[in-house]
PDB file of N, CA and C in Angstrom:
ATOM      1  N   MET A   1     -65.889  18.656   6.494  1.00  0.00           N
ATOM      2  CA  MET A   1     -64.607  19.252   6.722  1.00  0.00           C
ATOM      3  C   MET A   1     -63.583  18.723   5.728  1.00  0.00           C
ATOM      4  N   GLY A   2     -63.314  17.436   5.710  1.00  0.00           N
ATOM      5  CA  GLY A   2     -62.343  16.854   4.800  1.00  0.00           C
ATOM      6  C   GLY A   2     -63.001  16.247   3.577  1.00  0.00           C
ATOM      7  N   LEU A   3     -64.232  16.639   3.319  1.00  0.00           N
ATOM      8  CA  LEU A   3     -64.987  16.037   2.229  1.00  0.00           C
ATOM      9  C   LEU A   3     -64.374  16.334   0.865  1.00  0.00           C
ATOM     10  N   PHE A   4     -63.922  17.546   0.663  1.00  0.00           N
ATOM     11  CA  PHE A   4     -63.388  17.932  -0.635  1.00  0.00           C
ATOM     12  C   PHE A   4     -61.888  18.205  -0.570  1.00  0.00           C
ATOM     13  N   ARG A   5     -61.221  17.504   0.305  1.00  0.00           N
ATOM     14  CA  ARG A   5     -59.783  17.654   0.471  1.00  0.00           C
ATOM     15  C   ARG A   5     -59.062  17.091  -0.757  1.00  0.00           C
ATOM     16  N   ARG A   6     -58.042  17.790  -1.223  1.00  0.00           N
ATOM     17  CA  ARG A   6     -57.256  17.308  -2.348  1.00  0.00           C
ATOM     18  C   ARG A   6     -56.360  16.162  -1.890  1.00  0.00           C
ATOM     19  N   LYS A   7     -56.157  15.227  -2.795  1.00  0.00           N
ATOM     20  CA  LYS A   7     -55.263  14.120  -2.490  1.00  0.00           C
ATOM     21  C   LYS A   7     -53.822  14.579  -2.648  1.00  0.00           C
ATOM     22  N   SER A   8     -52.987  14.085  -1.769  1.00  0.00           N
ATOM     23  CA  SER A   8     -51.568  14.395  -1.878  1.00  0.00           C
ATOM     24  C   SER A   8     -50.961  13.560  -3.003  1.00  0.00           C
ATOM     25  N   LYS A   9     -49.758  13.921  -3.390  1.00  0.00           N
ATOM     26  CA  LYS A   9     -49.070  13.166  -4.444  1.00  0.00           C
ATOM     27  C   LYS A   9     -48.910  11.711  -4.016  1.00  0.00           C
ATOM     28  N   ARG A  10     -48.611  11.502  -2.740  1.00  0.00           N
ATOM     29  CA  ARG A  10     -48.431  10.147  -2.225  1.00  0.00           C
ATOM     30  C   ARG A  10     -49.728   9.335  -2.345  1.00  0.00           C
ATOM     31  N   GLU A  11     -50.855   9.947  -1.983  1.00  0.00           N
ATOM     32  CA  GLU A  11     -52.140   9.244  -2.070  1.00  0.00           C
ATOM     33  C   GLU A  11     -52.480   8.901  -3.519  1.00  0.00           C
ATOM     34  N   LYS A  12     -52.176   9.812  -4.431  1.00  0.00           N
ATOM     35  CA  LYS A  12     -52.437   9.546  -5.845  1.00  0.00           C
ATOM     36  C   LYS A  12     -51.588   8.387  -6.344  1.00  0.00           C
ATOM     37  N   LEU A  13     -50.313   8.360  -5.941  1.00  0.00           N
ATOM     38  CA  LEU A  13     -49.434   7.267  -6.350  1.00  0.00           C
ATOM     39  C   LEU A  13     -49.892   5.935  -5.769  1.00  0.00           C
ATOM     40  N   GLU A  14     -50.325   5.960  -4.507  1.00  0.00           N
ATOM     41  CA  GLU A  14     -50.808   4.727  -3.875  1.00  0.00           C
ATOM     42  C   GLU A  14     -52.054   4.201  -4.592  1.00  0.00           C
ATOM     43  N   ASP A  15     -52.961   5.103  -4.951  1.00  0.00           N
ATOM     44  CA  ASP A  15     -54.166   4.687  -5.676  1.00  0.00           C
ATOM     45  C   ASP A  15     -53.815   4.094  -7.037  1.00  0.00           C
ATOM     46  N   LYS A  16     -52.889   4.745  -7.734  1.00  0.00           N
ATOM     47  CA  LYS A  16     -52.473   4.265  -9.048  1.00  0.00           C
ATOM     48  C   LYS A  16     -51.789   2.904  -8.935  1.00  0.00           C
ATOM     49  N   TYR A  17     -50.978   2.733  -7.894  1.00  0.00           N
ATOM     50  CA  TYR A  17     -50.289   1.470  -7.648  1.00  0.00           C
ATOM     51  C   TYR A  17     -51.298   0.335  -7.439  1.00  0.00           C
ATOM     52  N   GLU A  18     -52.283   0.580  -6.592  1.00  0.00           N
ATOM     53  CA  GLU A  18     -53.317  -0.429  -6.326  1.00  0.00           C
ATOM     54  C   GLU A  18     -54.094  -0.766  -7.600  1.00  0.00           C
ATOM     55  N   LYS A  19     -54.416   0.240  -8.381  1.00  0.00           N
ATOM     56  CA  LYS A  19     -55.160   0.036  -9.623  1.00  0.00           C
ATOM     57  C   LYS A  19     -54.355  -0.817 -10.602  1.00  0.00           C
ATOM     58  N   LEU A  20     -53.072  -0.515 -10.726  1.00  0.00           N
ATOM     59  CA  LEU A  20     -52.222  -1.282 -11.641  1.00  0.00           C
ATOM     60  C   LEU A  20     -52.083  -2.735 -11.188  1.00  0.00           C
ATOM     61  N   LEU A  21     -51.943  -2.956  -9.895  1.00  0.00           N
ATOM     62  CA  LEU A  21     -51.849  -4.324  -9.385  1.00  0.00           C
ATOM     63  C   LEU A  21     -53.130  -5.114  -9.683  1.00  0.00           C
ATOM     64  N   LYS A  22     -54.248  -4.455  -9.505  1.00  0.00           N
ATOM     65  CA  LYS A  22     -55.532  -5.108  -9.759  1.00  0.00           C
ATOM     66  C   LYS A  22     -55.667  -5.453 -11.246  1.00  0.00           C
ATOM     67  N   GLN A  23     -55.298  -4.515 -12.122  1.00  0.00           N
ATOM     68  CA  GLN A  23     -55.377  -4.760 -13.559  1.00  0.00           C
ATOM     69  C   GLN A  23     -54.426  -5.882 -13.957  1.00  0.00           C
ATOM     70  N   ALA A  24     -53.224  -5.889 -13.400  1.00  0.00           N
ATOM     71  CA  ALA A  24     -52.244  -6.925 -13.721  1.00  0.00           C
ATOM     72  C   ALA A  24     -52.766  -8.298 -13.320  1.00  0.00           C
ATOM     73  N   HIS A  25     -53.404  -8.363 -12.175  1.00  0.00           N
ATOM     74  CA  HIS A  25     -53.957  -9.639 -11.719  1.00  0.00           C
ATOM     75  C   HIS A  25     -55.062 -10.121 -12.660  1.00  0.00           C
ATOM     76  N   GLN A  26     -55.914  -9.212 -13.084  1.00  0.00           N
ATOM     77  CA  GLN A  26     -56.991  -9.574 -13.997  1.00  0.00           C
ATOM     78  C   GLN A  26     -56.444 -10.016 -15.355  1.00  0.00           C
ATOM     79  N   MET A  27     -55.403  -9.352 -15.835  1.00  0.00           N
ATOM     80  CA  MET A  27     -54.831  -9.664 -17.142  1.00  0.00           C
ATOM     81  C   MET A  27     -53.985 -10.931 -17.123  1.00  0.00           C
ATOM     82  N   SER A  28     -53.581 -11.379 -15.962  1.00  0.00           N
ATOM     83  CA  SER A  28     -52.676 -12.525 -15.874  1.00  0.00           C
ATOM     84  C   SER A  28     -53.271 -13.795 -16.471  1.00  0.00           C
ATOM     85  N   THR A  29     -54.590 -13.894 -16.494  1.00  0.00           N
ATOM     86  CA  THR A  29     -55.210 -15.090 -17.066  1.00  0.00           C
ATOM     87  C   THR A  29     -55.500 -14.933 -18.547  1.00  0.00           C
ATOM     88  N   VAL A  30     -55.449 -13.695 -19.054  1.00  0.00           N
ATOM     89  CA  VAL A  30     -55.809 -13.426 -20.443  1.00  0.00           C
ATOM     90  C   VAL A  30     -54.580 -13.142 -21.303  1.00  0.00           C
ATOM     91  N   ASN A  31     -53.750 -12.209 -20.846  1.00  0.00           N
ATOM     92  CA  ASN A  31     -52.621 -11.746 -21.632  1.00  0.00           C
ATOM     93  C   ASN A  31     -51.430 -11.561 -20.705  1.00  0.00           C
ATOM     94  N   ARG A  32     -50.564 -12.529 -20.693  1.00  0.00           N
ATOM     95  CA  ARG A  32     -49.453 -12.534 -19.740  1.00  0.00           C
ATOM     96  C   ARG A  32     -48.478 -11.378 -19.990  1.00  0.00           C
ATOM     97  N   THR A  33     -48.212 -11.040 -21.239  1.00  0.00           N
ATOM     98  CA  THR A  33     -47.267  -9.955 -21.509  1.00  0.00           C
ATOM     99  C   THR A  33     -47.822  -8.612 -21.036  1.00  0.00           C
ATOM    100  N   LYS A  34     -49.102  -8.384 -21.230  1.00  0.00           N
ATOM    101  CA  LYS A  34     -49.730  -7.149 -20.755  1.00  0.00           C
ATOM    102  C   LYS A  34     -49.693  -7.100 -19.226  1.00  0.00           C
ATOM    103  N   SER A  35     -49.918  -8.243 -18.608  1.00  0.00           N
ATOM    104  CA  SER A  35     -49.853  -8.327 -17.153  1.00  0.00           C
ATOM    105  C   SER A  35     -48.451  -7.971 -16.658  1.00  0.00           C
ATOM    106  N   ASP A  36     -47.435  -8.469 -17.339  1.00  0.00           N
ATOM    107  CA  ASP A  36     -46.056  -8.158 -16.961  1.00  0.00           C
ATOM    108  C   ASP A  36     -45.756  -6.669 -17.121  1.00  0.00           C
ATOM    109  N   GLU A  37     -46.288  -6.050 -18.181  1.00  0.00           N
ATOM    110  CA  GLU A  37     -46.093  -4.618 -18.392  1.00  0.00           C
ATOM    111  C   GLU A  37     -46.733  -3.816 -17.246  1.00  0.00           C
ATOM    112  N   LEU A  38     -47.941  -4.212 -16.864  1.00  0.00           N
ATOM    113  CA  LEU A  38     -48.630  -3.522 -15.774  1.00  0.00           C
ATOM    114  C   LEU A  38     -47.877  -3.692 -14.459  1.00  0.00           C
ATOM    115  N   MET A  39     -47.330  -4.875 -14.233  1.00  0.00           N
ATOM    116  CA  MET A  39     -46.553  -5.116 -13.016  1.00  0.00           C
ATOM    117  C   MET A  39     -45.290  -4.255 -13.003  1.00  0.00           C
ATOM    118  N   ALA A  40     -44.674  -4.081 -14.168  1.00  0.00           N
ATOM    119  CA  ALA A  40     -43.478  -3.244 -14.252  1.00  0.00           C
ATOM    120  C   ALA A  40     -43.826  -1.788 -13.925  1.00  0.00           C
ATOM    121  N   GLN A  41     -44.960  -1.327 -14.427  1.00  0.00           N
ATOM    122  CA  GLN A  41     -45.398   0.043 -14.125  1.00  0.00           C
ATOM    123  C   GLN A  41     -45.671   0.193 -12.631  1.00  0.00           C
ATOM    124  N   ALA A  42     -46.312  -0.808 -12.061  1.00  0.00           N
ATOM    125  CA  ALA A  42     -46.605  -0.775 -10.625  1.00  0.00           C
ATOM    126  C   ALA A  42     -45.309  -0.760  -9.817  1.00  0.00           C
ATOM    127  N   GLU A  43     -44.322  -1.500 -10.267  1.00  0.00           N
ATOM    128  CA  GLU A  43     -43.040  -1.538  -9.563  1.00  0.00           C
ATOM    129  C   GLU A  43     -42.341  -0.180  -9.601  1.00  0.00           C
ATOM    130  N   GLU A  44     -42.452   0.529 -10.720  1.00  0.00           N
ATOM    131  CA  GLU A  44     -41.869   1.869 -10.818  1.00  0.00           C
ATOM    132  C   GLU A  44     -42.528   2.819  -9.809  1.00  0.00           C
ATOM    133  N   ILE A  45     -43.834   2.715  -9.687  1.00  0.00           N
ATOM    134  CA  ILE A  45     -44.555   3.555  -8.721  1.00  0.00           C
ATOM    135  C   ILE A  45     -44.144   3.180  -7.300  1.00  0.00           C
ATOM    136  N   ASN A  46     -43.970   1.891  -7.065  1.00  0.00           N
ATOM    137  CA  ASN A  46     -43.535   1.437  -5.743  1.00  0.00           C
ATOM    138  C   ASN A  46     -42.157   2.007  -5.403  1.00  0.00           C
ATOM    139  N   LYS A  47     -41.275   2.092  -6.398  1.00  0.00           N
ATOM    140  CA  LYS A  47     -39.950   2.680  -6.177  1.00  0.00           C
ATOM    141  C   LYS A  47     -40.078   4.161  -5.820  1.00  0.00           C
ATOM    142  N   GLU A  48     -40.983   4.871  -6.497  1.00  0.00           N
ATOM    143  CA  GLU A  48     -41.202   6.286  -6.181  1.00  0.00           C
ATOM    144  C   GLU A  48     -41.692   6.448  -4.741  1.00  0.00           C
ATOM    145  N   LEU A  49     -42.611   5.568  -4.340  1.00  0.00           N
ATOM    146  CA  LEU A  49     -43.123   5.628  -2.966  1.00  0.00           C
ATOM    147  C   LEU A  49     -42.009   5.349  -1.960  1.00  0.00           C
ATOM    148  N   ALA A  50     -41.145   4.391  -2.265  1.00  0.00           N
ATOM    149  CA  ALA A  50     -40.035   4.080  -1.373  1.00  0.00           C
ATOM    150  C   ALA A  50     -39.070   5.253  -1.288  1.00  0.00           C
ATOM    151  N   GLN A  51     -38.860   5.921  -2.409  1.00  0.00           N
ATOM    152  CA  GLN A  51     -37.984   7.090  -2.415  1.00  0.00           C
ATOM    153  C   GLN A  51     -38.591   8.210  -1.562  1.00  0.00           C
ATOM    154  N   MET A  52     -39.899   8.372  -1.635  1.00  0.00           N
ATOM    155  CA  MET A  52     -40.563   9.393  -0.821  1.00  0.00           C
ATOM    156  C   MET A  52     -40.386   9.062   0.661  1.00  0.00           C
ATOM    157  N   ASP A  53     -40.482   7.771   1.012  1.00  0.00           N
ATOM    158  CA  ASP A  53     -40.288   7.356   2.400  1.00  0.00           C
ATOM    159  C   ASP A  53     -38.873   7.678   2.865  1.00  0.00           C
ATOM    160  N   ALA A  54     -37.904   7.418   1.994  1.00  0.00           N
ATOM    161  CA  ALA A  54     -36.499   7.666   2.347  1.00  0.00           C
ATOM    162  C   ALA A  54     -36.250   9.160   2.548  1.00  0.00           C
ATOM    163  N   GLU A  55     -36.878   9.981   1.735  1.00  0.00           N
ATOM    164  CA  GLU A  55     -36.687  11.419   1.864  1.00  0.00           C
ATOM    165  C   GLU A  55     -37.296  11.967   3.139  1.00  0.00           C
ATOM    166  N   GLU A  56     -38.409  11.359   3.573  1.00  0.00           N
ATOM    167  CA  GLU A  56     -39.079  11.818   4.795  1.00  0.00           C
ATOM    168  C   GLU A  56     -38.290  11.450   6.051  1.00  0.00           C
ATOM    169  N   SER A  57     -37.548  10.367   5.983  1.00  0.00           N
ATOM    170  CA  SER A  57     -36.805   9.897   7.162  1.00  0.00           C
ATOM    171  C   SER A  57     -35.526  10.633   7.371  1.00  0.00           C
TER     172      SER A  57
END
């Protein structure tokens, strides 16, 4: 039934956010500046998610 369901924009953003956090954590021991860039991208996505929450309320 829900096997081939499309992901909503929110689900896609959440997946991307988790992926960026994971990459940032991995890069933190190798390349600190790259890790900071990934964290900044993740923070932007987090702001979008918060804005979506505010609009729903």
